[in-house]
Amino acid sequence: MKAPALMASLDAAAARIRRTAAAEPLIGLVLGSGLGAFAERLTDRTAIPYTEIPRFPASTGVVGHAGELVLGRVGKTPVAVLSGRVHFYEGHSMADVVFPARVLARLGVKAVVLTNAAGGVRLTFKPGDLMVITDHINFFGHHPLIGRNEEKLGPRFPDMSFIYDPELRRILKATGRAEKIPLREGVYLGTSGPSYETPAEIRAFRRMGADAVGMSTVPEAIALRHAGVRVAGISTITNMAAGILEQPLEHGEVLETTRRVGDRFVRLLTKAIPRLAKALK
């Protein structure tokens, strides 16, 4: 998409959302597979199906992704939640994959919490762990900023030294300690999918420094930092990656684990968001 058309599409989508929003959201969230329970518990909740937002890409039906933007509050903090995301493996262009995240930026959010379901690469992880993302490795074979740069969004060569904001990470960890929710930390490696990784690939990723692997988050994080939005990330370790356990991988296991840790995940976000909001004002 050419830059002028991109900006017009982003502004049209943001204008549609603002007509429904009771207040300008301060924080955005992107909910990964099976993690939509958080969006159900917002106060003053209003949901907009993606199909009603101009130019918004629609998922091709990934189980565990609702496909709606939810406006509401966590305590007094106004939030905008992408309940479900589209993926590169569905056949969308990279520009489409990051379009919803860019709309959050155009809405004026100061920070976005990206969440995902991920496979555990670090051998000390176990299914059900929550991992605060400290950094990522882009293994998509593609990049969301390729093409003509739109200066209204961000610079041609954005710095990614602190893509996952250190202060926001500290707040998440402090919240975990206060709520007695154990939080791991680690590097997330993103691949295009849709097949799960081979045992040899997982061994290679571990040597590269990856602690968890998944099929999302990296493009959104890059696009948000390009736009000057602060980013935090949380992975739910839903299964151990290929070759660690002697069993095949399947999406049903991912959804079952996210259901099992759902209450803990919702409690962490509910307690953390007001604390994150204080850091943004």
C-alpha atoms as a PDB file:
ATOM      1  CA  MET A   1       0.000   0.000   0.000  1.00  0.00           C
ATOM      2  CA  LYS A   2       1.374   3.447  -0.927  1.00  0.00           C
ATOM      3  CA  ALA A   3       2.076   5.810   1.959  1.00  0.00           C
ATOM      4  CA  PRO A   4      -0.747   8.355   1.274  1.00  0.00           C
ATOM      5  CA  ALA A   5      -3.264   5.513   0.968  1.00  0.00           C
ATOM      6  CA  LEU A   6      -1.931   3.955   4.163  1.00  0.00           C
ATOM      7  CA  MET A   7      -2.385   7.139   6.180  1.00  0.00           C
ATOM      8  CA  ALA A   8      -5.890   7.656   4.800  1.00  0.00           C
ATOM      9  CA  SER A   9      -6.819   4.070   5.723  1.00  0.00           C
ATOM     10  CA  LEU A  10      -5.365   4.387   9.231  1.00  0.00           C
ATOM     11  CA  ASP A  11      -7.207   7.647   9.824  1.00  0.00           C
ATOM     12  CA  ALA A  12     -10.495   6.203   8.529  1.00  0.00           C
ATOM     13  CA  ALA A  13     -10.200   3.220  10.854  1.00  0.00           C
ATOM     14  CA  ALA A  14      -9.287   5.426  13.827  1.00  0.00           C
ATOM     15  CA  ALA A  15     -12.205   7.769  13.088  1.00  0.00           C
ATOM     16  CA  ARG A  16     -14.652   4.829  13.097  1.00  0.00           C
ATOM     17  CA  ILE A  17     -13.346   3.670  16.472  1.00  0.00           C
ATOM     18  CA  ARG A  18     -13.445   7.175  17.980  1.00  0.00           C
ATOM     19  CA  ARG A  19     -17.157   7.431  17.139  1.00  0.00           C
ATOM     20  CA  THR A  20     -17.720   4.560  19.584  1.00  0.00           C
ATOM     21  CA  ALA A  21     -15.053   5.281  22.208  1.00  0.00           C
ATOM     22  CA  ALA A  22     -16.231   7.021  25.362  1.00  0.00           C
ATOM     23  CA  ALA A  23     -12.678   8.187  26.072  1.00  0.00           C
ATOM     24  CA  GLU A  24      -9.348   8.225  24.262  1.00  0.00           C
ATOM     25  CA  PRO A  25      -7.565   4.974  25.153  1.00  0.00           C
ATOM     26  CA  LEU A  26      -4.298   5.322  27.016  1.00  0.00           C
ATOM     27  CA  ILE A  27      -3.146   1.713  26.681  1.00  0.00           C
ATOM     28  CA  GLY A  28      -3.674  -0.814  23.901  1.00  0.00           C
ATOM     29  CA  LEU A  29      -3.531  -4.575  24.209  1.00  0.00           C
ATOM     30  CA  VAL A  30      -3.269  -7.353  21.642  1.00  0.00           C
ATOM     31  CA  LEU A  31      -4.579 -10.692  22.881  1.00  0.00           C
ATOM     32  CA  GLY A  32      -3.124 -13.917  21.513  1.00  0.00           C
ATOM     33  CA  SER A  33      -4.637 -17.370  21.019  1.00  0.00           C
ATOM     34  CA  GLY A  34      -7.086 -18.304  23.764  1.00  0.00           C
ATOM     35  CA  LEU A  35      -6.406 -15.157  25.812  1.00  0.00           C
ATOM     36  CA  GLY A  36      -9.622 -13.282  25.030  1.00  0.00           C
ATOM     37  CA  ALA A  37     -11.060 -13.676  28.555  1.00  0.00           C
ATOM     38  CA  PHE A  38      -9.416 -10.407  29.563  1.00  0.00           C
ATOM     39  CA  ALA A  39     -11.505  -8.440  27.042  1.00  0.00           C
ATOM     40  CA  GLU A  40     -14.694  -9.957  28.448  1.00  0.00           C
ATOM     41  CA  ARG A  41     -14.061  -8.448  31.893  1.00  0.00           C
ATOM     42  CA  LEU A  42     -13.579  -4.788  31.005  1.00  0.00           C
ATOM     43  CA  THR A  43     -15.937  -2.249  32.528  1.00  0.00           C
ATOM     44  CA  ASP A  44     -17.942   0.058  30.205  1.00  0.00           C
ATOM     45  CA  ARG A  45     -17.266  -2.543  27.535  1.00  0.00           C
ATOM     46  CA  THR A  46     -18.084  -1.910  23.850  1.00  0.00           C
ATOM     47  CA  ALA A  47     -17.042  -4.314  21.096  1.00  0.00           C
ATOM     48  CA  ILE A  48     -16.592  -3.480  17.417  1.00  0.00           C
ATOM     49  CA  PRO A  49     -16.220  -6.446  15.035  1.00  0.00           C
ATOM     50  CA  TYR A  50     -13.190  -6.077  12.798  1.00  0.00           C
ATOM     51  CA  THR A  51     -15.514  -6.324   9.808  1.00  0.00           C
ATOM     52  CA  GLU A  52     -17.062  -2.968  10.806  1.00  0.00           C
ATOM     53  CA  ILE A  53     -13.741  -1.086  10.865  1.00  0.00           C
ATOM     54  CA  PRO A  54     -12.587   0.300   7.488  1.00  0.00           C
ATOM     55  CA  ARG A  55      -9.634  -1.565   5.929  1.00  0.00           C
ATOM     56  CA  PHE A  56      -9.220  -3.815   8.988  1.00  0.00           C
ATOM     57  CA  PRO A  57      -7.971  -7.247   7.910  1.00  0.00           C
ATOM     58  CA  ALA A  58     -10.167 -10.175   8.897  1.00  0.00           C
ATOM     59  CA  SER A  59      -8.799 -13.432  10.237  1.00  0.00           C
ATOM     60  CA  THR A  60      -9.336 -16.534   8.133  1.00  0.00           C
ATOM     61  CA  GLY A  61     -10.750 -18.311  11.145  1.00  0.00           C
ATOM     62  CA  VAL A  62      -7.945 -19.169  13.569  1.00  0.00           C
ATOM     63  CA  VAL A  63      -9.514 -20.916  16.568  1.00  0.00           C
ATOM     64  CA  GLY A  64      -9.049 -18.891  19.752  1.00  0.00           C
ATOM     65  CA  HIS A  65      -9.158 -15.440  18.113  1.00  0.00           C
ATOM     66  CA  ALA A  66     -12.416 -13.480  18.545  1.00  0.00           C
ATOM     67  CA  GLY A  67     -11.856 -10.855  15.830  1.00  0.00           C
ATOM     68  CA  GLU A  68     -13.121  -7.713  17.529  1.00  0.00           C
ATOM     69  CA  LEU A  69     -11.800  -4.478  18.965  1.00  0.00           C
ATOM     70  CA  VAL A  70     -13.019  -3.938  22.515  1.00  0.00           C
ATOM     71  CA  LEU A  71     -13.121  -0.532  24.194  1.00  0.00           C
ATOM     72  CA  GLY A  72     -13.497  -0.212  27.939  1.00  0.00           C
ATOM     73  CA  ARG A  73     -11.728   0.493  31.198  1.00  0.00           C
ATOM     74  CA  VAL A  74      -9.480  -1.288  33.641  1.00  0.00           C
ATOM     75  CA  GLY A  75     -10.227   0.622  36.823  1.00  0.00           C
ATOM     76  CA  LYS A  76     -10.078   4.223  35.621  1.00  0.00           C
ATOM     77  CA  THR A  77      -7.721   3.514  32.717  1.00  0.00           C
ATOM     78  CA  PRO A  78      -9.304   3.605  29.224  1.00  0.00           C
ATOM     79  CA  VAL A  79      -8.018   0.804  27.027  1.00  0.00           C
ATOM     80  CA  ALA A  80      -8.420  -0.494  23.478  1.00  0.00           C
ATOM     81  CA  VAL A  81      -8.085  -4.250  23.113  1.00  0.00           C
ATOM     82  CA  LEU A  82      -7.508  -6.206  19.920  1.00  0.00           C
ATOM     83  CA  SER A  83      -9.189  -9.486  20.839  1.00  0.00           C
ATOM     84  CA  GLY A  84      -7.533 -11.700  18.265  1.00  0.00           C
ATOM     85  CA  ARG A  85      -5.001 -10.853  15.575  1.00  0.00           C
ATOM     86  CA  VAL A  86      -4.300 -11.746  11.966  1.00  0.00           C
ATOM     87  CA  HIS A  87      -1.159 -13.686  11.120  1.00  0.00           C
ATOM     88  CA  PHE A  88       1.332 -13.646   8.274  1.00  0.00           C
ATOM     89  CA  TYR A  89       0.732 -17.371   7.712  1.00  0.00           C
ATOM     90  CA  GLU A  90      -2.920 -16.695   6.849  1.00  0.00           C
ATOM     91  CA  GLY A  91      -1.744 -15.135   3.606  1.00  0.00           C
ATOM     92  CA  HIS A  92      -1.996 -11.505   4.676  1.00  0.00           C
ATOM     93  CA  SER A  93       0.657  -9.040   3.612  1.00  0.00           C
ATOM     94  CA  MET A  94       2.966  -7.799   6.341  1.00  0.00           C
ATOM     95  CA  ALA A  95       1.308  -4.372   5.976  1.00  0.00           C
ATOM     96  CA  ASP A  96      -2.044  -5.978   6.807  1.00  0.00           C
ATOM     97  CA  VAL A  97      -0.577  -7.881   9.763  1.00  0.00           C
ATOM     98  CA  VAL A  98       0.568  -4.655  11.447  1.00  0.00           C
ATOM     99  CA  PHE A  99      -2.372  -2.473  10.338  1.00  0.00           C
ATOM    100  CA  PRO A 100      -4.409  -3.005  13.554  1.00  0.00           C
ATOM    101  CA  ALA A 101      -1.389  -2.181  15.737  1.00  0.00           C
ATOM    102  CA  ARG A 102      -0.804   0.972  13.715  1.00  0.00           C
ATOM    103  CA  VAL A 103      -4.445   1.940  14.229  1.00  0.00           C
ATOM    104  CA  LEU A 104      -3.850   1.727  17.986  1.00  0.00           C
ATOM    105  CA  ALA A 105      -0.966   4.150  17.503  1.00  0.00           C
ATOM    106  CA  ARG A 106      -3.201   6.532  15.501  1.00  0.00           C
ATOM    107  CA  LEU A 107      -5.753   6.376  18.315  1.00  0.00           C
ATOM    108  CA  GLY A 108      -3.098   7.919  20.525  1.00  0.00           C
ATOM    109  CA  VAL A 109      -2.276   5.076  22.899  1.00  0.00           C
ATOM    110  CA  LYS A 110       0.971   5.634  24.778  1.00  0.00           C
ATOM    111  CA  ALA A 111       1.820   1.952  25.220  1.00  0.00           C
ATOM    112  CA  VAL A 112       0.704  -1.442  23.935  1.00  0.00           C
ATOM    113  CA  VAL A 113       0.921  -4.764  25.748  1.00  0.00           C
ATOM    114  CA  LEU A 114       1.409  -7.548  23.205  1.00  0.00           C
ATOM    115  CA  THR A 115       0.466 -11.043  24.343  1.00  0.00           C
ATOM    116  CA  ASN A 116       0.839 -14.410  22.681  1.00  0.00           C
ATOM    117  CA  ALA A 117       0.818 -18.150  23.122  1.00  0.00           C
ATOM    118  CA  ALA A 118       4.323 -19.535  22.657  1.00  0.00           C
ATOM    119  CA  GLY A 119       6.289 -22.746  22.730  1.00  0.00           C
ATOM    120  CA  GLY A 120       8.932 -23.097  25.405  1.00  0.00           C
ATOM    121  CA  VAL A 121      12.469 -23.345  24.008  1.00  0.00           C
ATOM    122  CA  ARG A 122      14.332 -22.894  27.295  1.00  0.00           C
ATOM    123  CA  LEU A 123      14.538 -26.313  28.924  1.00  0.00           C
ATOM    124  CA  THR A 124      13.640 -24.992  32.383  1.00  0.00           C
ATOM    125  CA  PHE A 125      10.287 -23.629  31.182  1.00  0.00           C
ATOM    126  CA  LYS A 126       7.069 -25.563  31.638  1.00  0.00           C
ATOM    127  CA  PRO A 127       3.563 -25.219  30.147  1.00  0.00           C
ATOM    128  CA  GLY A 128       1.598 -22.563  32.005  1.00  0.00           C
ATOM    129  CA  ASP A 129       4.569 -20.259  32.661  1.00  0.00           C
ATOM    130  CA  LEU A 130       4.144 -16.557  31.895  1.00  0.00           C
ATOM    131  CA  MET A 131       7.191 -14.924  30.293  1.00  0.00           C
ATOM    132  CA  VAL A 132       7.841 -11.173  30.145  1.00  0.00           C
ATOM    133  CA  ILE A 133       9.517 -10.572  26.790  1.00  0.00           C
ATOM    134  CA  THR A 134      12.900  -8.858  27.085  1.00  0.00           C
ATOM    135  CA  ASP A 135      13.811  -8.876  23.376  1.00  0.00           C
ATOM    136  CA  HIS A 136      12.961 -10.699  20.161  1.00  0.00           C
ATOM    137  CA  ILE A 137      14.497 -12.362  17.127  1.00  0.00           C
ATOM    138  CA  ASN A 138      12.793 -11.736  13.787  1.00  0.00           C
ATOM    139  CA  PHE A 139      12.827 -15.075  11.936  1.00  0.00           C
ATOM    140  CA  PHE A 140       9.866 -14.280   9.673  1.00  0.00           C
ATOM    141  CA  GLY A 141      12.049 -13.765   6.610  1.00  0.00           C
ATOM    142  CA  HIS A 142      10.203 -10.474   6.160  1.00  0.00           C
ATOM    143  CA  HIS A 143       9.954  -7.061   7.818  1.00  0.00           C
ATOM    144  CA  PRO A 144       6.928  -4.758   8.301  1.00  0.00           C
ATOM    145  CA  LEU A 145       8.873  -1.593   7.418  1.00  0.00           C
ATOM    146  CA  ILE A 146      10.064  -2.724   3.978  1.00  0.00           C
ATOM    147  CA  GLY A 147       8.945  -0.321   1.276  1.00  0.00           C
ATOM    148  CA  ARG A 148       8.494   3.424   1.147  1.00  0.00           C
ATOM    149  CA  ASN A 149       8.666   4.949   4.624  1.00  0.00           C
ATOM    150  CA  GLU A 150       5.811   7.101   5.883  1.00  0.00           C
ATOM    151  CA  GLU A 151       7.438   9.880   7.891  1.00  0.00           C
ATOM    152  CA  LYS A 152       4.144  10.624   9.648  1.00  0.00           C
ATOM    153  CA  LEU A 153       4.428   7.211  11.281  1.00  0.00           C
ATOM    154  CA  GLY A 154       8.135   7.181  12.122  1.00  0.00           C
ATOM    155  CA  PRO A 155      11.725   7.449  10.868  1.00  0.00           C
ATOM    156  CA  ARG A 156      13.220   5.421   8.024  1.00  0.00           C
ATOM    157  CA  PHE A 157      15.699   3.656  10.339  1.00  0.00           C
ATOM    158  CA  PRO A 158      14.108   3.332  13.793  1.00  0.00           C
ATOM    159  CA  ASP A 159      16.220   2.207  16.733  1.00  0.00           C
ATOM    160  CA  MET A 160      15.253  -1.146  18.265  1.00  0.00           C
ATOM    161  CA  SER A 161      17.746  -1.244  21.152  1.00  0.00           C
ATOM    162  CA  PHE A 162      14.969  -1.177  23.767  1.00  0.00           C
ATOM    163  CA  ILE A 163      11.996  -2.443  21.798  1.00  0.00           C
ATOM    164  CA  TYR A 164      10.422  -3.949  24.952  1.00  0.00           C
ATOM    165  CA  ASP A 165      10.362  -0.983  27.301  1.00  0.00           C
ATOM    166  CA  PRO A 166      12.534  -1.574  30.426  1.00  0.00           C
ATOM    167  CA  GLU A 167      10.307   0.510  32.723  1.00  0.00           C
ATOM    168  CA  LEU A 168       7.134  -1.287  31.631  1.00  0.00           C
ATOM    169  CA  ARG A 169       8.887  -4.621  32.132  1.00  0.00           C
ATOM    170  CA  ARG A 170       9.838  -3.609  35.674  1.00  0.00           C
ATOM    171  CA  ILE A 171       6.220  -2.728  36.418  1.00  0.00           C
ATOM    172  CA  LEU A 172       4.993  -6.086  35.125  1.00  0.00           C
ATOM    173  CA  LYS A 173       7.557  -7.929  37.252  1.00  0.00           C
ATOM    174  CA  ALA A 174       6.710  -5.876  40.358  1.00  0.00           C
ATOM    175  CA  THR A 175       3.022  -6.598  39.815  1.00  0.00           C
ATOM    176  CA  GLY A 176       3.776 -10.298  39.505  1.00  0.00           C
ATOM    177  CA  ARG A 177       5.661 -10.245  42.806  1.00  0.00           C
ATOM    178  CA  ALA A 178       2.877  -8.331  44.552  1.00  0.00           C
ATOM    179  CA  GLU A 179       0.223 -10.747  43.262  1.00  0.00           C
ATOM    180  CA  LYS A 180       2.383 -13.834  43.835  1.00  0.00           C
ATOM    181  CA  ILE A 181       2.259 -14.631  40.107  1.00  0.00           C
ATOM    182  CA  PRO A 182       5.611 -16.100  39.032  1.00  0.00           C
ATOM    183  CA  LEU A 183       6.951 -14.401  35.910  1.00  0.00           C
ATOM    184  CA  ARG A 184       9.785 -15.663  33.742  1.00  0.00           C
ATOM    185  CA  GLU A 185      11.784 -13.432  31.426  1.00  0.00           C
ATOM    186  CA  GLY A 186      13.195 -14.237  28.032  1.00  0.00           C
ATOM    187  CA  VAL A 187      13.712 -13.684  24.332  1.00  0.00           C
ATOM    188  CA  TYR A 188      10.847 -14.433  21.936  1.00  0.00           C
ATOM    189  CA  LEU A 189      11.636 -15.714  18.453  1.00  0.00           C
ATOM    190  CA  GLY A 190       8.975 -15.145  15.795  1.00  0.00           C
ATOM    191  CA  THR A 191       8.548 -17.370  12.727  1.00  0.00           C
ATOM    192  CA  SER A 192       6.114 -17.172   9.851  1.00  0.00           C
ATOM    193  CA  GLY A 193       4.457 -20.570  10.534  1.00  0.00           C
ATOM    194  CA  PRO A 194       2.004 -22.157  10.053  1.00  0.00           C
ATOM    195  CA  SER A 195       3.805 -25.439  10.722  1.00  0.00           C
ATOM    196  CA  TYR A 196       5.357 -25.936  14.106  1.00  0.00           C
ATOM    197  CA  GLU A 197       9.134 -25.980  14.176  1.00  0.00           C
ATOM    198  CA  THR A 198      11.259 -29.077  13.754  1.00  0.00           C
ATOM    199  CA  PRO A 199      13.405 -30.368  16.644  1.00  0.00           C
ATOM    200  CA  ALA A 200      16.526 -29.306  14.721  1.00  0.00           C
ATOM    201  CA  GLU A 201      15.171 -25.783  14.309  1.00  0.00           C
ATOM    202  CA  ILE A 202      14.403 -25.581  18.031  1.00  0.00           C
ATOM    203  CA  ARG A 203      17.956 -26.650  18.870  1.00  0.00           C
ATOM    204  CA  ALA A 204      19.258 -23.949  16.528  1.00  0.00           C
ATOM    205  CA  PHE A 205      16.932 -21.320  18.022  1.00  0.00           C
ATOM    206  CA  ARG A 206      18.129 -22.195  21.530  1.00  0.00           C
ATOM    207  CA  ARG A 207      21.730 -21.645  20.435  1.00  0.00           C
ATOM    208  CA  MET A 208      20.680 -18.304  18.952  1.00  0.00           C
ATOM    209  CA  GLY A 209      19.426 -17.186  22.356  1.00  0.00           C
ATOM    210  CA  ALA A 210      15.684 -17.796  22.040  1.00  0.00           C
ATOM    211  CA  ASP A 211      13.673 -18.801  25.111  1.00  0.00           C
ATOM    212  CA  ALA A 212      10.247 -19.057  23.446  1.00  0.00           C
ATOM    213  CA  VAL A 213       8.953 -19.329  19.886  1.00  0.00           C
ATOM    214  CA  GLY A 214       5.717 -18.271  18.217  1.00  0.00           C
ATOM    215  CA  MET A 215       4.093 -16.954  15.043  1.00  0.00           C
ATOM    216  CA  SER A 216       3.172 -13.370  15.958  1.00  0.00           C
ATOM    217  CA  THR A 217       4.145 -10.298  18.015  1.00  0.00           C
ATOM    218  CA  VAL A 218       7.458  -9.422  16.303  1.00  0.00           C
ATOM    219  CA  PRO A 219       5.949  -7.467  13.362  1.00  0.00           C
ATOM    220  CA  GLU A 220       3.568  -5.593  15.680  1.00  0.00           C
ATOM    221  CA  ALA A 221       6.357  -4.690  18.097  1.00  0.00           C
ATOM    222  CA  ILE A 222       8.487  -3.308  15.265  1.00  0.00           C
ATOM    223  CA  ALA A 223       5.615  -1.267  13.808  1.00  0.00           C
ATOM    224  CA  LEU A 224       4.669   0.157  17.204  1.00  0.00           C
ATOM    225  CA  ARG A 225       8.215   1.200  18.078  1.00  0.00           C
ATOM    226  CA  HIS A 226       8.516   2.742  14.605  1.00  0.00           C
ATOM    227  CA  ALA A 227       5.476   4.852  15.549  1.00  0.00           C
ATOM    228  CA  GLY A 228       6.974   5.850  18.906  1.00  0.00           C
ATOM    229  CA  VAL A 229       4.656   3.703  21.030  1.00  0.00           C
ATOM    230  CA  ARG A 230       6.108   2.000  24.099  1.00  0.00           C
ATOM    231  CA  VAL A 231       5.823  -1.788  24.031  1.00  0.00           C
ATOM    232  CA  ALA A 232       5.577  -4.559  26.613  1.00  0.00           C
ATOM    233  CA  GLY A 233       5.152  -8.238  25.817  1.00  0.00           C
ATOM    234  CA  ILE A 234       3.919 -11.315  27.687  1.00  0.00           C
ATOM    235  CA  SER A 235       4.093 -14.881  26.365  1.00  0.00           C
ATOM    236  CA  THR A 236       2.026 -17.703  27.798  1.00  0.00           C
ATOM    237  CA  ILE A 237       4.170 -20.822  27.483  1.00  0.00           C
ATOM    238  CA  THR A 238       1.494 -23.231  26.302  1.00  0.00           C
ATOM    239  CA  ASN A 239       3.652 -26.210  25.360  1.00  0.00           C
ATOM    240  CA  MET A 240       7.260 -27.265  25.116  1.00  0.00           C
ATOM    241  CA  ALA A 241       8.683 -26.805  21.627  1.00  0.00           C
ATOM    242  CA  ALA A 242       9.365 -29.678  19.244  1.00  0.00           C
ATOM    243  CA  GLY A 243      11.868 -32.323  20.312  1.00  0.00           C
ATOM    244  CA  ILE A 244      11.836 -31.489  24.034  1.00  0.00           C
ATOM    245  CA  LEU A 245       9.052 -33.918  24.914  1.00  0.00           C
ATOM    246  CA  GLU A 246       8.265 -37.120  23.057  1.00  0.00           C
ATOM    247  CA  GLN A 247       4.853 -36.037  21.805  1.00  0.00           C
ATOM    248  CA  PRO A 248       3.485 -34.221  18.750  1.00  0.00           C
ATOM    249  CA  LEU A 249       2.367 -30.587  18.915  1.00  0.00           C
ATOM    250  CA  GLU A 250      -1.220 -29.502  18.284  1.00  0.00           C
ATOM    251  CA  HIS A 251      -3.236 -26.289  18.590  1.00  0.00           C
ATOM    252  CA  GLY A 252      -5.690 -27.875  21.022  1.00  0.00           C
ATOM    253  CA  GLU A 253      -2.915 -28.070  23.620  1.00  0.00           C
ATOM    254  CA  VAL A 254      -2.283 -24.350  23.164  1.00  0.00           C
ATOM    255  CA  LEU A 255      -5.921 -23.463  23.834  1.00  0.00           C
ATOM    256  CA  GLU A 256      -6.201 -25.837  26.791  1.00  0.00           C
ATOM    257  CA  THR A 257      -3.166 -24.295  28.509  1.00  0.00           C
ATOM    258  CA  THR A 258      -4.377 -20.720  27.957  1.00  0.00           C
ATOM    259  CA  ARG A 259      -7.732 -21.683  29.479  1.00  0.00           C
ATOM    260  CA  ARG A 260      -5.945 -23.191  32.466  1.00  0.00           C
ATOM    261  CA  VAL A 261      -3.845 -20.078  33.168  1.00  0.00           C
ATOM    262  CA  GLY A 262      -6.540 -17.615  32.116  1.00  0.00           C
ATOM    263  CA  ASP A 263      -7.456 -16.373  35.587  1.00  0.00           C
ATOM    264  CA  ARG A 264      -3.808 -15.747  36.472  1.00  0.00           C
ATOM    265  CA  PHE A 265      -3.237 -13.938  33.169  1.00  0.00           C
ATOM    266  CA  VAL A 266      -6.321 -11.735  33.623  1.00  0.00           C
ATOM    267  CA  ARG A 267      -5.368 -10.904  37.219  1.00  0.00           C
ATOM    268  CA  LEU A 268      -1.855  -9.891  36.170  1.00  0.00           C
ATOM    269  CA  LEU A 269      -3.110  -7.534  33.455  1.00  0.00           C
ATOM    270  CA  THR A 270      -5.908  -6.119  35.615  1.00  0.00           C
ATOM    271  CA  LYS A 271      -3.477  -5.219  38.386  1.00  0.00           C
ATOM    272  CA  ALA A 272      -0.669  -4.081  36.080  1.00  0.00           C
ATOM    273  CA  ILE A 273      -2.561  -1.736  33.782  1.00  0.00           C
ATOM    274  CA  PRO A 274      -3.297   1.006  36.378  1.00  0.00           C
ATOM    275  CA  ARG A 275       0.400   0.868  37.356  1.00  0.00           C
ATOM    276  CA  LEU A 276       1.465   1.084  33.730  1.00  0.00           C
ATOM    277  CA  ALA A 277      -0.896   4.039  33.258  1.00  0.00           C
ATOM    278  CA  LYS A 278       0.833   5.981  36.043  1.00  0.00           C
ATOM    279  CA  ALA A 279       4.158   5.556  34.246  1.00  0.00           C
ATOM    280  CA  LEU A 280       2.696   6.960  31.031  1.00  0.00           C
ATOM    281  CA  LYS A 281       1.239  10.192  32.405  1.00  0.00           C
END
